[in-house]
Protein backbone atom coordinates (compact mmCIF):
# COMPACT_ATOMS: atom_id res chain seq x y z
CA MET A 1 -0.07 -0.09 -0.06
CA ARG A 2 1.11 3.45 -1.10
CA ALA A 3 0.00 7.15 0.25
CA VAL A 4 1.06 10.58 -0.67
CA VAL A 5 -0.15 12.42 2.34
CA GLN A 6 -0.29 15.87 2.43
CA ARG A 7 -1.21 18.68 4.80
CA VAL A 8 -3.61 20.97 3.88
CA LEU A 9 -5.75 23.99 5.12
CA LYS A 10 -8.06 22.79 2.62
CA ALA A 11 -8.95 20.20 0.06
CA GLY A 12 -11.50 18.97 -1.92
CA VAL A 13 -13.10 16.86 -4.96
CA SER A 14 -15.38 16.99 -7.54
CA ALA A 15 -16.25 14.47 -10.41
CA GLU A 16 -19.11 13.29 -12.66
CA GLY A 17 -20.36 17.33 -13.64
CA GLY A 18 -19.72 19.06 -10.05
CA ARG A 19 -20.61 16.34 -7.47
CA HIS A 20 -18.13 17.37 -5.10
CA ALA A 21 -17.14 16.60 -1.38
CA GLU A 22 -14.40 19.44 0.74
CA ILE A 23 -12.33 19.52 4.03
CA GLY A 24 -10.86 22.08 5.78
CA PRO A 25 -7.36 21.88 7.68
CA GLY A 26 -5.70 18.71 7.86
CA VAL A 27 -4.29 15.67 5.35
CA LEU A 28 -5.63 14.48 1.97
CA VAL A 29 -3.88 11.19 1.63
CA LEU A 30 -3.78 9.88 -2.11
CA LEU A 31 -3.97 5.94 -2.05
CA GLY A 32 -3.02 3.45 -4.04
CA VAL A 33 -3.43 -0.63 -3.77
CA ALA A 34 -0.80 -2.84 -4.29
CA PRO A 35 -1.70 -6.72 -5.22
CA GLY A 36 -2.05 -8.63 -2.19
CA ASP A 37 -2.32 -5.49 0.31
CA GLY A 38 -4.67 -6.94 2.59
CA ASP A 39 -5.68 -6.14 6.34
CA ALA A 40 -2.24 -5.74 7.86
CA GLU A 41 -0.65 -3.08 5.34
CA ILE A 42 -4.94 -1.34 6.12
CA ALA A 43 -3.88 -1.70 9.69
CA TRP A 44 -0.43 -0.28 9.33
CA MET A 45 -1.12 2.72 6.97
CA SER A 46 -4.36 3.94 8.98
CA HIS A 47 -2.77 4.10 12.33
CA LYS A 48 0.89 5.44 10.80
CA ILE A 49 -1.54 8.14 8.77
CA ALA A 50 -3.82 9.48 12.00
CA ALA A 51 -0.34 9.11 14.20
CA LEU A 52 1.67 11.28 12.16
CA ARG A 53 3.41 14.03 13.48
CA ILE A 54 3.12 16.56 11.08
CA PHE A 55 0.84 19.44 12.82
CA SER A 56 2.86 22.25 14.26
CA ASP A 57 2.73 22.48 18.05
CA ARG A 58 2.69 25.96 20.25
CA GLU A 59 6.50 26.12 19.89
CA GLY A 60 6.08 25.90 16.38
CA LYS A 61 7.74 22.50 16.35
CA MET A 62 5.85 19.38 14.01
CA ASN A 63 5.07 17.50 17.24
CA LEU A 64 0.72 16.77 17.11
CA SER A 65 -0.79 14.17 14.78
CA LEU A 66 -4.11 14.50 13.32
CA ARG A 67 -5.83 12.65 16.01
CA ASP A 68 -4.68 15.49 18.35
CA THR A 69 -5.50 18.15 16.44
CA GLY A 70 -9.23 16.95 15.35
CA GLY A 71 -8.12 17.98 11.81
CA ASP A 72 -10.43 16.98 8.78
CA ALA A 73 -9.27 14.22 6.28
CA MET A 74 -9.98 13.21 2.99
CA VAL A 75 -8.75 9.80 0.95
CA VAL A 76 -8.94 9.91 -3.10
CA SER A 77 -8.35 6.36 -4.78
CA GLN A 78 -4.52 6.61 -7.07
CA PHE A 79 -3.74 3.56 -9.00
CA THR A 80 -1.45 5.85 -10.55
CA LEU A 81 0.58 5.93 -7.48
CA TYR A 82 2.31 2.63 -8.64
CA ALA A 83 3.30 3.54 -11.99
CA ASP A 84 5.84 2.18 -13.79
CA THR A 85 8.17 4.37 -15.57
CA THR A 86 11.65 2.83 -15.94
CA ARG A 87 10.80 1.76 -20.12
CA GLY A 88 9.67 3.60 -22.59
CA ASN A 89 7.19 7.38 -22.12
CA ARG A 90 4.35 5.32 -21.38
CA PRO A 91 3.25 4.38 -17.70
CA GLY A 92 2.93 1.17 -16.81
CA PHE A 93 0.30 -0.07 -13.98
CA SER A 94 0.73 -3.53 -13.47
CA GLY A 95 2.29 -2.92 -9.73
CA SER A 96 -1.22 -1.54 -9.04
CA ALA A 97 -4.29 -3.71 -7.78
CA GLY A 98 -7.18 -4.14 -10.41
CA PHE A 99 -10.15 -2.29 -10.07
CA GLU A 100 -12.33 -5.22 -8.38
CA ALA A 101 -9.76 -5.88 -5.77
CA ALA A 102 -8.85 -2.39 -5.05
CA LEU A 103 -12.11 -1.91 -4.24
CA PRO A 104 -12.81 -3.57 -1.31
CA VAL A 105 -9.18 -2.61 0.35
CA TYR A 106 -9.79 0.86 -0.95
CA GLU A 107 -13.43 1.14 1.35
CA HIS A 108 -11.88 -0.81 4.56
CA PHE A 109 -9.05 1.64 4.55
CA ILE A 110 -11.74 4.34 5.00
CA ARG A 111 -13.20 2.41 7.27
CA ASN A 112 -10.44 1.69 9.16
CA PHE A 113 -9.45 5.12 9.14
CA GLU A 114 -12.15 6.89 10.46
CA ARG A 115 -11.66 4.20 13.73
CA GLN A 116 -8.38 5.64 14.25
CA LEU A 117 -9.52 9.50 14.38
CA GLU A 118 -12.91 8.57 15.33
CA LYS A 119 -14.72 10.90 12.93
CA PRO A 120 -16.13 10.57 9.32
CA VAL A 121 -13.60 10.93 6.43
CA GLN A 122 -14.14 12.40 3.15
CA THR A 123 -13.52 10.97 0.33
CA GLY A 124 -13.42 10.98 -3.42
CA TRP A 125 -15.32 8.75 -5.95
CA TYR A 126 -13.37 5.41 -6.84
CA GLY A 127 -13.14 4.60 -10.26
CA ALA A 128 -14.47 7.95 -11.49
CA GLU A 129 -12.40 10.49 -12.96
CA MET A 130 -11.61 13.16 -10.77
CA GLN A 131 -10.44 16.78 -9.94
CA VAL A 132 -8.67 17.23 -6.91
CA PHE A 133 -7.98 20.62 -5.34
CA LEU A 134 -5.50 21.68 -2.50
CA VAL A 135 -3.64 24.10 -0.52
CA ASN A 136 -0.69 22.33 0.85
CA ASP A 137 -0.13 24.05 4.01
CA GLY A 138 3.73 23.62 4.66
CA PRO A 139 4.16 22.46 2.28
CA VAL A 140 4.15 19.33 3.98
CA THR A 141 4.13 16.10 1.66
CA LEU A 142 5.08 12.51 2.73
CA LEU A 143 5.02 9.60 0.30
CA ILE A 144 4.81 6.56 2.86
CA ASP A 145 5.17 2.43 1.54
CA SER A 146 3.49 -0.04 4.24
CA PRO A 147 5.79 -2.66 5.54
CA GLU A 148 6.45 -5.83 3.29
CA HIS A 149 4.39 -8.35 5.21
CA THR A 150 5.25 -12.22 5.30
């Protein structure tokens, strides 16, 4: 499982002629699912993102997590995070889980992340062509890969 986590002042997503969801200060998570990702990766990644200390405390140090601040969260599916660009100029996506296999993992991640945060998480629309906007705060952008589980 791979995630791009961006600390944001606000973020939103629109699709299919204008449906949209928006958040205020918090995190935007672009989530990629690899073949074989399951419960272990979901638990690890949702806990890691909820506990990341990427928000400033009173002294201006990154010392607070999303749970500590009560900030908002948005998760958008992003199969292109597993793009292979090593050959040619057109990316290959064989490193991503297929559409049908990734959907239940994505949905389970969202439910687990909501439990971690003890609040609802906004989402994009799985499989839709979306437009995502954000105002990155910092900027703080992290790439997180789940560890290999055997």
